Amino acid sequence: MNDETLKLIAREIKEIVEERASTDWGNKEATRAKIRTKIKECLKKYNYPPEYQKQAIDDVVRQAEYIMNDE
């Protein structure tokens, strides 16, 4: 994937997390599931390689949880 596509994916995923995350979202499985679904839709939209999608989604959710727990 080219750098511009990866930048678009990163921006869109950032918006997804910011829109749906709250300070206690890490404790709510339903919210995490919605975030995972939206991230997966974003990755598919930009033809992100399917074999790497699960790892990418897990990494984003883990990073978002870490950031939210630091605040």
PDB file of N, CA and C in Angstrom:
ATOM      1  N   MET A   1       0.852  -1.183   0.000  1.00  0.00           N
ATOM      2  CA  MET A   1       0.000   0.000   0.000  1.00  0.00           C
ATOM      3  C   MET A   1       0.891   1.239   0.000  1.00  0.00           C
ATOM      4  N   ASN A   2       0.418   2.273  -0.660  1.00  0.00           N
ATOM      5  CA  ASN A   2       1.237   3.481  -0.698  1.00  0.00           C
ATOM      6  C   ASN A   2       1.019   4.320   0.556  1.00  0.00           C
ATOM      7  N   ASP A   3       1.930   5.242   0.783  1.00  0.00           N
ATOM      8  CA  ASP A   3       1.902   6.062   1.989  1.00  0.00           C
ATOM      9  C   ASP A   3       0.631   6.898   2.109  1.00  0.00           C
ATOM     10  N   GLU A   4       0.135   7.418   0.992  1.00  0.00           N
ATOM     11  CA  GLU A   4      -1.064   8.247   1.029  1.00  0.00           C
ATOM     12  C   GLU A   4      -2.277   7.442   1.479  1.00  0.00           C
ATOM     13  N   THR A   5      -2.390   6.225   1.018  1.00  0.00           N
ATOM     14  CA  THR A   5      -3.496   5.363   1.429  1.00  0.00           C
ATOM     15  C   THR A   5      -3.394   5.046   2.915  1.00  0.00           C
ATOM     16  N   LEU A   6      -2.192   4.753   3.375  1.00  0.00           N
ATOM     17  CA  LEU A   6      -1.996   4.467   4.795  1.00  0.00           C
ATOM     18  C   LEU A   6      -2.327   5.685   5.656  1.00  0.00           C
ATOM     19  N   LYS A   7      -2.010   6.876   5.174  1.00  0.00           N
ATOM     20  CA  LYS A   7      -2.354   8.101   5.901  1.00  0.00           C
ATOM     21  C   LYS A   7      -3.872   8.271   5.995  1.00  0.00           C
ATOM     22  N   LEU A   8      -4.562   7.990   4.894  1.00  0.00           N
ATOM     23  CA  LEU A   8      -6.025   8.085   4.897  1.00  0.00           C
ATOM     24  C   LEU A   8      -6.629   7.095   5.894  1.00  0.00           C
ATOM     25  N   ILE A   9      -6.107   5.875   5.898  1.00  0.00           N
ATOM     26  CA  ILE A   9      -6.590   4.859   6.837  1.00  0.00           C
ATOM     27  C   ILE A   9      -6.360   5.321   8.274  1.00  0.00           C
ATOM     28  N   ALA A  10      -5.176   5.826   8.553  1.00  0.00           N
ATOM     29  CA  ALA A  10      -4.845   6.273   9.907  1.00  0.00           C
ATOM     30  C   ALA A  10      -5.774   7.395  10.363  1.00  0.00           C
ATOM     31  N   ARG A  11      -6.016   8.352   9.483  1.00  0.00           N
ATOM     32  CA  ARG A  11      -6.915   9.468   9.843  1.00  0.00           C
ATOM     33  C   ARG A  11      -8.328   8.977  10.125  1.00  0.00           C
ATOM     34  N   GLU A  12      -8.805   8.096   9.259  1.00  0.00           N
ATOM     35  CA  GLU A  12     -10.168   7.600   9.429  1.00  0.00           C
ATOM     36  C   GLU A  12     -10.303   6.762  10.703  1.00  0.00           C
ATOM     37  N   ILE A  13      -9.315   5.943  10.987  1.00  0.00           N
ATOM     38  CA  ILE A  13      -9.357   5.130  12.204  1.00  0.00           C
ATOM     39  C   ILE A  13      -9.281   6.025  13.444  1.00  0.00           C
ATOM     40  N   LYS A  14      -8.474   7.061  13.386  1.00  0.00           N
ATOM     41  CA  LYS A  14      -8.397   8.011  14.503  1.00  0.00           C
ATOM     42  C   LYS A  14      -9.771   8.624  14.771  1.00  0.00           C
ATOM     43  N   GLU A  15     -10.466   9.014  13.718  1.00  0.00           N
ATOM     44  CA  GLU A  15     -11.808   9.577  13.867  1.00  0.00           C
ATOM     45  C   GLU A  15     -12.785   8.560  14.451  1.00  0.00           C
ATOM     46  N   ILE A  16     -12.681   7.320  13.996  1.00  0.00           N
ATOM     47  CA  ILE A  16     -13.549   6.256  14.499  1.00  0.00           C
ATOM     48  C   ILE A  16     -13.381   6.109  16.005  1.00  0.00           C
ATOM     49  N   VAL A  17     -12.145   6.030  16.442  1.00  0.00           N
ATOM     50  CA  VAL A  17     -11.872   5.835  17.871  1.00  0.00           C
ATOM     51  C   VAL A  17     -12.324   7.056  18.662  1.00  0.00           C
ATOM     52  N   GLU A  18     -12.007   8.251  18.186  1.00  0.00           N
ATOM     53  CA  GLU A  18     -12.390   9.464  18.913  1.00  0.00           C
ATOM     54  C   GLU A  18     -13.902   9.616  19.023  1.00  0.00           C
ATOM     55  N   GLU A  19     -14.635   9.262  17.983  1.00  0.00           N
ATOM     56  CA  GLU A  19     -16.096   9.385  17.996  1.00  0.00           C
ATOM     57  C   GLU A  19     -16.750   8.428  18.979  1.00  0.00           C
ATOM     58  N   ARG A  20     -16.186   7.263  19.132  1.00  0.00           N
ATOM     59  CA  ARG A  20     -16.852   6.217  19.905  1.00  0.00           C
ATOM     60  C   ARG A  20     -16.246   5.964  21.279  1.00  0.00           C
ATOM     61  N   ALA A  21     -15.081   6.476  21.509  1.00  0.00           N
ATOM     62  CA  ALA A  21     -14.405   6.199  22.777  1.00  0.00           C
ATOM     63  C   ALA A  21     -14.863   7.168  23.854  1.00  0.00           C
ATOM     64  N   SER A  22     -14.973   6.655  25.026  1.00  0.00           N
ATOM     65  CA  SER A  22     -15.221   7.479  26.199  1.00  0.00           C
ATOM     66  C   SER A  22     -14.241   7.007  27.268  1.00  0.00           C
ATOM     67  N   THR A  23     -14.196   7.677  28.376  1.00  0.00           N
ATOM     68  CA  THR A  23     -13.196   7.331  29.383  1.00  0.00           C
ATOM     69  C   THR A  23     -13.367   5.916  29.914  1.00  0.00           C
ATOM     70  N   ASP A  24     -14.570   5.359  29.850  1.00  0.00           N
ATOM     71  CA  ASP A  24     -14.770   4.003  30.357  1.00  0.00           C
ATOM     72  C   ASP A  24     -15.028   2.984  29.254  1.00  0.00           C
ATOM     73  N   TRP A  25     -14.742   3.341  28.008  1.00  0.00           N
ATOM     74  CA  TRP A  25     -15.065   2.452  26.895  1.00  0.00           C
ATOM     75  C   TRP A  25     -14.308   1.139  26.962  1.00  0.00           C
ATOM     76  N   GLY A  26     -13.134   1.147  27.561  1.00  0.00           N
ATOM     77  CA  GLY A  26     -12.347  -0.077  27.655  1.00  0.00           C
ATOM     78  C   GLY A  26     -13.037  -1.155  28.468  1.00  0.00           C
ATOM     79  N   ASN A  27     -13.984  -0.750  29.314  1.00  0.00           N
ATOM     80  CA  ASN A  27     -14.708  -1.704  30.150  1.00  0.00           C
ATOM     81  C   ASN A  27     -15.988  -2.205  29.496  1.00  0.00           C
ATOM     82  N   LYS A  28     -16.335  -1.657  28.356  1.00  0.00           N
ATOM     83  CA  LYS A  28     -17.592  -2.021  27.715  1.00  0.00           C
ATOM     84  C   LYS A  28     -17.329  -2.782  26.419  1.00  0.00           C
ATOM     85  N   GLU A  29     -17.632  -4.063  26.457  1.00  0.00           N
ATOM     86  CA  GLU A  29     -17.365  -4.917  25.291  1.00  0.00           C
ATOM     87  C   GLU A  29     -18.173  -4.485  24.075  1.00  0.00           C
ATOM     88  N   ALA A  30     -19.385  -4.004  24.283  1.00  0.00           N
ATOM     89  CA  ALA A  30     -20.216  -3.579  23.155  1.00  0.00           C
ATOM     90  C   ALA A  30     -19.575  -2.413  22.411  1.00  0.00           C
ATOM     91  N   THR A  31     -19.001  -1.483  23.144  1.00  0.00           N
ATOM     92  CA  THR A  31     -18.338  -0.336  22.519  1.00  0.00           C
ATOM     93  C   THR A  31     -17.096  -0.792  21.771  1.00  0.00           C
ATOM     94  N   ARG A  32     -16.335  -1.675  22.382  1.00  0.00           N
ATOM     95  CA  ARG A  32     -15.155  -2.223  21.703  1.00  0.00           C
ATOM     96  C   ARG A  32     -15.546  -2.950  20.428  1.00  0.00           C
ATOM     97  N   ALA A  33     -16.644  -3.685  20.472  1.00  0.00           N
ATOM     98  CA  ALA A  33     -17.106  -4.424  19.290  1.00  0.00           C
ATOM     99  C   ALA A  33     -17.490  -3.462  18.169  1.00  0.00           C
ATOM    100  N   LYS A  34     -18.156  -2.372  18.507  1.00  0.00           N
ATOM    101  CA  LYS A  34     -18.531  -1.371  17.498  1.00  0.00           C
ATOM    102  C   LYS A  34     -17.291  -0.744  16.874  1.00  0.00           C
ATOM    103  N   ILE A  35     -16.313  -0.446  17.706  1.00  0.00           N
ATOM    104  CA  ILE A  35     -15.073   0.143  17.201  1.00  0.00           C
ATOM    105  C   ILE A  35     -14.370  -0.845  16.274  1.00  0.00           C
ATOM    106  N   ARG A  36     -14.295  -2.101  16.685  1.00  0.00           N
ATOM    107  CA  ARG A  36     -13.671  -3.129  15.845  1.00  0.00           C
ATOM    108  C   ARG A  36     -14.375  -3.235  14.490  1.00  0.00           C
ATOM    109  N   THR A  37     -15.703  -3.218  14.509  1.00  0.00           N
ATOM    110  CA  THR A  37     -16.473  -3.316  13.265  1.00  0.00           C
ATOM    111  C   THR A  37     -16.189  -2.141  12.346  1.00  0.00           C
ATOM    112  N   LYS A  38     -16.180  -0.943  12.884  1.00  0.00           N
ATOM    113  CA  LYS A  38     -15.930   0.252  12.079  1.00  0.00           C
ATOM    114  C   LYS A  38     -14.507   0.247  11.518  1.00  0.00           C
ATOM    115  N   ILE A  39     -13.548  -0.201  12.315  1.00  0.00           N
ATOM    116  CA  ILE A  39     -12.161  -0.279  11.837  1.00  0.00           C
ATOM    117  C   ILE A  39     -12.076  -1.291  10.697  1.00  0.00           C
ATOM    118  N   LYS A  40     -12.735  -2.429  10.859  1.00  0.00           N
ATOM    119  CA  LYS A  40     -12.722  -3.455   9.815  1.00  0.00           C
ATOM    120  C   LYS A  40     -13.326  -2.911   8.526  1.00  0.00           C
ATOM    121  N   GLU A  41     -14.432  -2.179   8.635  1.00  0.00           N
ATOM    122  CA  GLU A  41     -15.052  -1.568   7.452  1.00  0.00           C
ATOM    123  C   GLU A  41     -14.083  -0.604   6.768  1.00  0.00           C
ATOM    124  N   CYS A  42     -13.382   0.175   7.563  1.00  0.00           N
ATOM    125  CA  CYS A  42     -12.410   1.129   7.024  1.00  0.00           C
ATOM    126  C   CYS A  42     -11.298   0.396   6.279  1.00  0.00           C
ATOM    127  N   LEU A  43     -10.764  -0.645   6.869  1.00  0.00           N
ATOM    128  CA  LEU A  43      -9.681  -1.389   6.239  1.00  0.00           C
ATOM    129  C   LEU A  43     -10.134  -2.029   4.926  1.00  0.00           C
ATOM    130  N   LYS A  44     -11.344  -2.566   4.927  1.00  0.00           N
ATOM    131  CA  LYS A  44     -11.875  -3.160   3.698  1.00  0.00           C
ATOM    132  C   LYS A  44     -12.074  -2.101   2.625  1.00  0.00           C
ATOM    133  N   LYS A  45     -12.540  -0.931   3.028  1.00  0.00           N
ATOM    134  CA  LYS A  45     -12.781   0.176   2.097  1.00  0.00           C
ATOM    135  C   LYS A  45     -11.521   0.518   1.313  1.00  0.00           C
ATOM    136  N   TYR A  46     -10.374   0.460   1.977  1.00  0.00           N
ATOM    137  CA  TYR A  46      -9.108   0.812   1.338  1.00  0.00           C
ATOM    138  C   TYR A  46      -8.322  -0.418   0.869  1.00  0.00           C
ATOM    139  N   ASN A  47      -8.994  -1.563   0.817  1.00  0.00           N
ATOM    140  CA  ASN A  47      -8.373  -2.815   0.342  1.00  0.00           C
ATOM    141  C   ASN A  47      -7.125  -3.202   1.121  1.00  0.00           C
ATOM    142  N   TYR A  48      -7.187  -2.998   2.441  1.00  0.00           N
ATOM    143  CA  TYR A  48      -6.093  -3.435   3.303  1.00  0.00           C
ATOM    144  C   TYR A  48      -6.014  -4.954   3.209  1.00  0.00           C
ATOM    145  N   PRO A  49      -4.823  -5.520   3.121  1.00  0.00           N
ATOM    146  CA  PRO A  49      -4.692  -6.979   2.941  1.00  0.00           C
ATOM    147  C   PRO A  49      -5.437  -7.750   4.045  1.00  0.00           C
ATOM    148  N   PRO A  50      -6.361  -8.623   3.661  1.00  0.00           N
ATOM    149  CA  PRO A  50      -7.171  -9.358   4.634  1.00  0.00           C
ATOM    150  C   PRO A  50      -6.362 -10.149   5.657  1.00  0.00           C
ATOM    151  N   GLU A  51      -5.223 -10.664   5.237  1.00  0.00           N
ATOM    152  CA  GLU A  51      -4.429 -11.481   6.156  1.00  0.00           C
ATOM    153  C   GLU A  51      -3.813 -10.661   7.298  1.00  0.00           C
ATOM    154  N   TYR A  52      -3.818  -9.336   7.168  1.00  0.00           N
ATOM    155  CA  TYR A  52      -3.260  -8.479   8.212  1.00  0.00           C
ATOM    156  C   TYR A  52      -4.326  -7.692   8.971  1.00  0.00           C
ATOM    157  N   GLN A  53      -5.588  -7.829   8.583  1.00  0.00           N
ATOM    158  CA  GLN A  53      -6.639  -7.023   9.193  1.00  0.00           C
ATOM    159  C   GLN A  53      -6.838  -7.317  10.679  1.00  0.00           C
ATOM    160  N   LYS A  54      -6.901  -8.582  11.058  1.00  0.00           N
ATOM    161  CA  LYS A  54      -7.138  -8.917  12.465  1.00  0.00           C
ATOM    162  C   LYS A  54      -6.051  -8.333  13.353  1.00  0.00           C
ATOM    163  N   GLN A  55      -4.814  -8.481  12.949  1.00  0.00           N
ATOM    164  CA  GLN A  55      -3.709  -7.935  13.738  1.00  0.00           C
ATOM    165  C   GLN A  55      -3.791  -6.416  13.816  1.00  0.00           C
ATOM    166  N   ALA A  56      -4.120  -5.769  12.703  1.00  0.00           N
ATOM    167  CA  ALA A  56      -4.234  -4.306  12.689  1.00  0.00           C
ATOM    168  C   ALA A  56      -5.348  -3.843  13.622  1.00  0.00           C
ATOM    169  N   ILE A  57      -6.486  -4.517  13.572  1.00  0.00           N
ATOM    170  CA  ILE A  57      -7.615  -4.156  14.440  1.00  0.00           C
ATOM    171  C   ILE A  57      -7.227  -4.335  15.904  1.00  0.00           C
ATOM    172  N   ASP A  58      -6.630  -5.470  16.231  1.00  0.00           N
ATOM    173  CA  ASP A  58      -6.203  -5.727  17.615  1.00  0.00           C
ATOM    174  C   ASP A  58      -5.215  -4.675  18.088  1.00  0.00           C
ATOM    175  N   ASP A  59      -4.283  -4.304  17.228  1.00  0.00           N
ATOM    176  CA  ASP A  59      -3.285  -3.296  17.602  1.00  0.00           C
ATOM    177  C   ASP A  59      -3.935  -1.938  17.868  1.00  0.00           C
ATOM    178  N   VAL A  60      -4.859  -1.535  17.014  1.00  0.00           N
ATOM    179  CA  VAL A  60      -5.520  -0.243  17.188  1.00  0.00           C
ATOM    180  C   VAL A  60      -6.322  -0.226  18.484  1.00  0.00           C
ATOM    181  N   VAL A  61      -7.083  -1.272  18.748  1.00  0.00           N
ATOM    182  CA  VAL A  61      -7.894  -1.329  19.966  1.00  0.00           C
ATOM    183  C   VAL A  61      -6.997  -1.309  21.206  1.00  0.00           C
ATOM    184  N   ARG A  62      -5.922  -2.062  21.163  1.00  0.00           N
ATOM    185  CA  ARG A  62      -4.991  -2.101  22.304  1.00  0.00           C
ATOM    186  C   ARG A  62      -4.369  -0.723  22.550  1.00  0.00           C
ATOM    187  N   GLN A  63      -3.962  -0.051  21.473  1.00  0.00           N
ATOM    188  CA  GLN A  63      -3.380   1.279  21.605  1.00  0.00           C
ATOM    189  C   GLN A  63      -4.407   2.287  22.124  1.00  0.00           C
ATOM    190  N   ALA A  64      -5.626   2.204  21.627  1.00  0.00           N
ATOM    191  CA  ALA A  64      -6.675   3.117  22.083  1.00  0.00           C
ATOM    192  C   ALA A  64      -6.983   2.896  23.558  1.00  0.00           C
ATOM    193  N   GLU A  65      -7.037   1.641  23.990  1.00  0.00           N
ATOM    194  CA  GLU A  65      -7.266   1.337  25.408  1.00  0.00           C
ATOM    195  C   GLU A  65      -6.144   1.917  26.263  1.00  0.00           C
ATOM    196  N   TYR A  66      -4.928   1.762  25.804  1.00  0.00           N
ATOM    197  CA  TYR A  66      -3.775   2.291  26.531  1.00  0.00           C
ATOM    198  C   TYR A  66      -3.866   3.806  26.666  1.00  0.00           C
ATOM    199  N   ILE A  67      -4.178   4.473  25.565  1.00  0.00           N
ATOM    200  CA  ILE A  67      -4.282   5.933  25.583  1.00  0.00           C
ATOM    201  C   ILE A  67      -5.418   6.380  26.492  1.00  0.00           C
ATOM    202  N   MET A  68      -6.564   5.729  26.398  1.00  0.00           N
ATOM    203  CA  MET A  68      -7.713   6.102  27.216  1.00  0.00           C
ATOM    204  C   MET A  68      -7.448   5.866  28.703  1.00  0.00           C
ATOM    205  N   ASN A  69      -6.674   4.842  29.030  1.00  0.00           N
ATOM    206  CA  ASN A  69      -6.353   4.567  30.427  1.00  0.00           C
ATOM    207  C   ASN A  69      -5.345   5.560  30.992  1.00  0.00           C
ATOM    208  N   ASP A  70      -4.566   6.190  30.123  1.00  0.00           N
ATOM    209  CA  ASP A  70      -3.585   7.185  30.564  1.00  0.00           C
ATOM    210  C   ASP A  70      -4.231   8.531  30.887  1.00  0.00           C
ATOM    211  N   GLU A  71      -5.387   8.792  30.316  1.00  0.00           N
ATOM    212  CA  GLU A  71      -6.015  10.102  30.498  1.00  0.00           C
ATOM    213  C   GLU A  71      -6.697  10.219  31.830  1.00  0.00           C
TER     214      GLU A  71
END
